[in-house]
C-alpha atoms as a PDB file:
ATOM      1  CA  UNK A   1       0.000   0.000   0.000  1.00  0.00           C
ATOM      2  CA  UNK A   2       2.765   2.424   0.920  1.00  0.00           C
ATOM      3  CA  UNK A   3       4.727   1.648  -2.253  1.00  0.00           C
ATOM      4  CA  UNK A   4       1.716   2.458  -4.426  1.00  0.00           C
ATOM      5  CA  UNK A   5       1.277   5.806  -2.659  1.00  0.00           C
ATOM      6  CA  UNK A   6       4.939   6.698  -3.131  1.00  0.00           C
ATOM      7  CA  UNK A   7       4.796   5.724  -6.820  1.00  0.00           C
ATOM      8  CA  UNK A   8       1.708   7.875  -7.347  1.00  0.00           C
ATOM      9  CA  UNK A   9       3.384  10.809  -5.592  1.00  0.00           C
ATOM     10  CA  UNK A  10       6.485  10.421  -7.792  1.00  0.00           C
ATOM     11  CA  UNK A  11       4.289  10.398 -10.910  1.00  0.00           C
ATOM     12  CA  UNK A  12       2.514  13.520  -9.685  1.00  0.00           C
ATOM     13  CA  UNK A  13       5.754  15.407  -8.989  1.00  0.00           C
ATOM     14  CA  UNK A  14       7.857  14.208 -11.946  1.00  0.00           C
ATOM     15  CA  UNK A  15       5.119  13.510 -14.452  1.00  0.00           C
ATOM     16  CA  UNK A  16       4.432  10.138 -16.043  1.00  0.00           C
ATOM     17  CA  UNK A  17       7.356  10.529 -18.454  1.00  0.00           C
ATOM     18  CA  UNK A  18       9.799  11.241 -15.605  1.00  0.00           C
ATOM     19  CA  UNK A  19       9.065   7.981 -13.765  1.00  0.00           C
ATOM     20  CA  UNK A  20      10.623   4.935 -15.436  1.00  0.00           C
ATOM     21  CA  UNK A  21      10.199   2.291 -12.702  1.00  0.00           C
ATOM     22  CA  UNK A  22       9.480   1.762  -9.008  1.00  0.00           C
ATOM     23  CA  UNK A  23      12.766  -0.027  -8.202  1.00  0.00           C
ATOM     24  CA  UNK A  24      13.761   2.810  -5.875  1.00  0.00           C
ATOM     25  CA  UNK A  25      10.720   2.124  -3.707  1.00  0.00           C
ATOM     26  CA  UNK A  26      11.569  -1.558  -3.262  1.00  0.00           C
ATOM     27  CA  UNK A  27      15.232  -0.798  -2.503  1.00  0.00           C
ATOM     28  CA  UNK A  28      14.237   1.277   0.554  1.00  0.00           C
ATOM     29  CA  UNK A  29      13.430  -1.865   2.560  1.00  0.00           C
ATOM     30  CA  UNK A  30      16.093  -2.663   5.147  1.00  0.00           C
ATOM     31  CA  UNK A  31      16.455  -6.244   6.326  1.00  0.00           C
ATOM     32  CA  UNK A  32      17.181  -6.258  10.071  1.00  0.00           C
ATOM     33  CA  UNK A  33      17.610 -10.050  10.304  1.00  0.00           C
ATOM     34  CA  UNK A  34      21.032 -11.668  10.107  1.00  0.00           C
ATOM     35  CA  UNK A  35      21.890 -15.305   9.378  1.00  0.00           C
ATOM     36  CA  UNK A  36      23.607 -17.124  12.251  1.00  0.00           C
ATOM     37  CA  UNK A  37      25.091 -20.621  12.641  1.00  0.00           C
ATOM     38  CA  UNK A  38      24.398 -22.918  15.611  1.00  0.00           C
ATOM     39  CA  UNK A  39      27.117 -25.267  16.863  1.00  0.00           C
ATOM     40  CA  UNK A  40      26.709 -28.333  19.087  1.00  0.00           C
ATOM     41  CA  UNK A  41      28.401 -27.753  22.457  1.00  0.00           C
ATOM     42  CA  UNK A  42      29.261 -31.461  22.836  1.00  0.00           C
ATOM     43  CA  UNK A  43      30.865 -32.424  19.504  1.00  0.00           C
ATOM     44  CA  UNK A  44      31.417 -28.882  18.079  1.00  0.00           C
ATOM     45  CA  UNK A  45      29.675 -29.777  14.796  1.00  0.00           C
ATOM     46  CA  UNK A  46      27.882 -26.898  13.054  1.00  0.00           C
ATOM     47  CA  UNK A  47      24.425 -28.338  12.404  1.00  0.00           C
ATOM     48  CA  UNK A  48      21.929 -25.517  11.977  1.00  0.00           C
ATOM     49  CA  UNK A  49      21.550 -22.064  10.448  1.00  0.00           C
ATOM     50  CA  UNK A  50      18.793 -19.621  11.360  1.00  0.00           C
ATOM     51  CA  UNK A  51      18.126 -15.884  11.453  1.00  0.00           C
ATOM     52  CA  UNK A  52      17.696 -13.415  14.270  1.00  0.00           C
ATOM     53  CA  UNK A  53      17.155  -9.691  14.709  1.00  0.00           C
ATOM     54  CA  UNK A  54      20.485  -8.264  15.892  1.00  0.00           C
ATOM     55  CA  UNK A  55      18.937  -5.030  17.197  1.00  0.00           C
ATOM     56  CA  UNK A  56      16.469  -6.800  19.495  1.00  0.00           C
ATOM     57  CA  UNK A  57      18.729  -9.687  20.618  1.00  0.00           C
ATOM     58  CA  UNK A  58      22.379  -8.725  21.015  1.00  0.00           C
ATOM     59  CA  UNK A  59      23.264 -11.702  23.218  1.00  0.00           C
ATOM     60  CA  UNK A  60      24.165 -15.080  21.729  1.00  0.00           C
ATOM     61  CA  UNK A  61      21.376 -17.534  21.050  1.00  0.00           C
ATOM     62  CA  UNK A  62      21.401 -20.940  22.794  1.00  0.00           C
ATOM     63  CA  UNK A  63      18.797 -23.660  22.315  1.00  0.00           C
ATOM     64  CA  UNK A  64      18.403 -27.414  22.544  1.00  0.00           C
ATOM     65  CA  UNK A  65      18.478 -29.041  19.098  1.00  0.00           C
ATOM     66  CA  UNK A  66      18.976 -32.578  17.783  1.00  0.00           C
ATOM     67  CA  UNK A  67      22.588 -33.295  16.796  1.00  0.00           C
ATOM     68  CA  UNK A  68      23.045 -35.872  14.019  1.00  0.00           C
ATOM     69  CA  UNK A  69      26.602 -36.654  15.148  1.00  0.00           C
ATOM     70  CA  UNK A  70      25.683 -37.219  18.826  1.00  0.00           C
ATOM     71  CA  UNK A  71      22.262 -38.789  18.010  1.00  0.00           C
ATOM     72  CA  UNK A  72      20.567 -36.920  20.860  1.00  0.00           C
ATOM     73  CA  UNK A  73      19.291 -33.474  21.846  1.00  0.00           C
ATOM     74  CA  UNK A  74      22.164 -31.257  22.975  1.00  0.00           C
ATOM     75  CA  UNK A  75      22.588 -27.531  23.630  1.00  0.00           C
ATOM     76  CA  UNK A  76      23.544 -25.575  20.499  1.00  0.00           C
ATOM     77  CA  UNK A  77      25.128 -22.110  20.732  1.00  0.00           C
ATOM     78  CA  UNK A  78      25.458 -19.315  18.222  1.00  0.00           C
ATOM     79  CA  UNK A  79      28.959 -18.922  16.824  1.00  0.00           C
ATOM     80  CA  UNK A  80      30.643 -15.914  15.233  1.00  0.00           C
END
């Protein structure tokens, strides 16, 4: 909805001939999520990747996940 309003405003200001595409509108989106890797604390194998919002959660993520190498649920921590 917002993108359509911005495109209409650009057409109004620049005229229909002055607007060639709406790529600028889609490039304004900022992705706040960052891909992280989870490592098994027992065998040190890197098993999982996921995303998290770095602005909301600065501390390292730790969760219990199934490790294929250990064949059991073990704690997995975020690595750099």
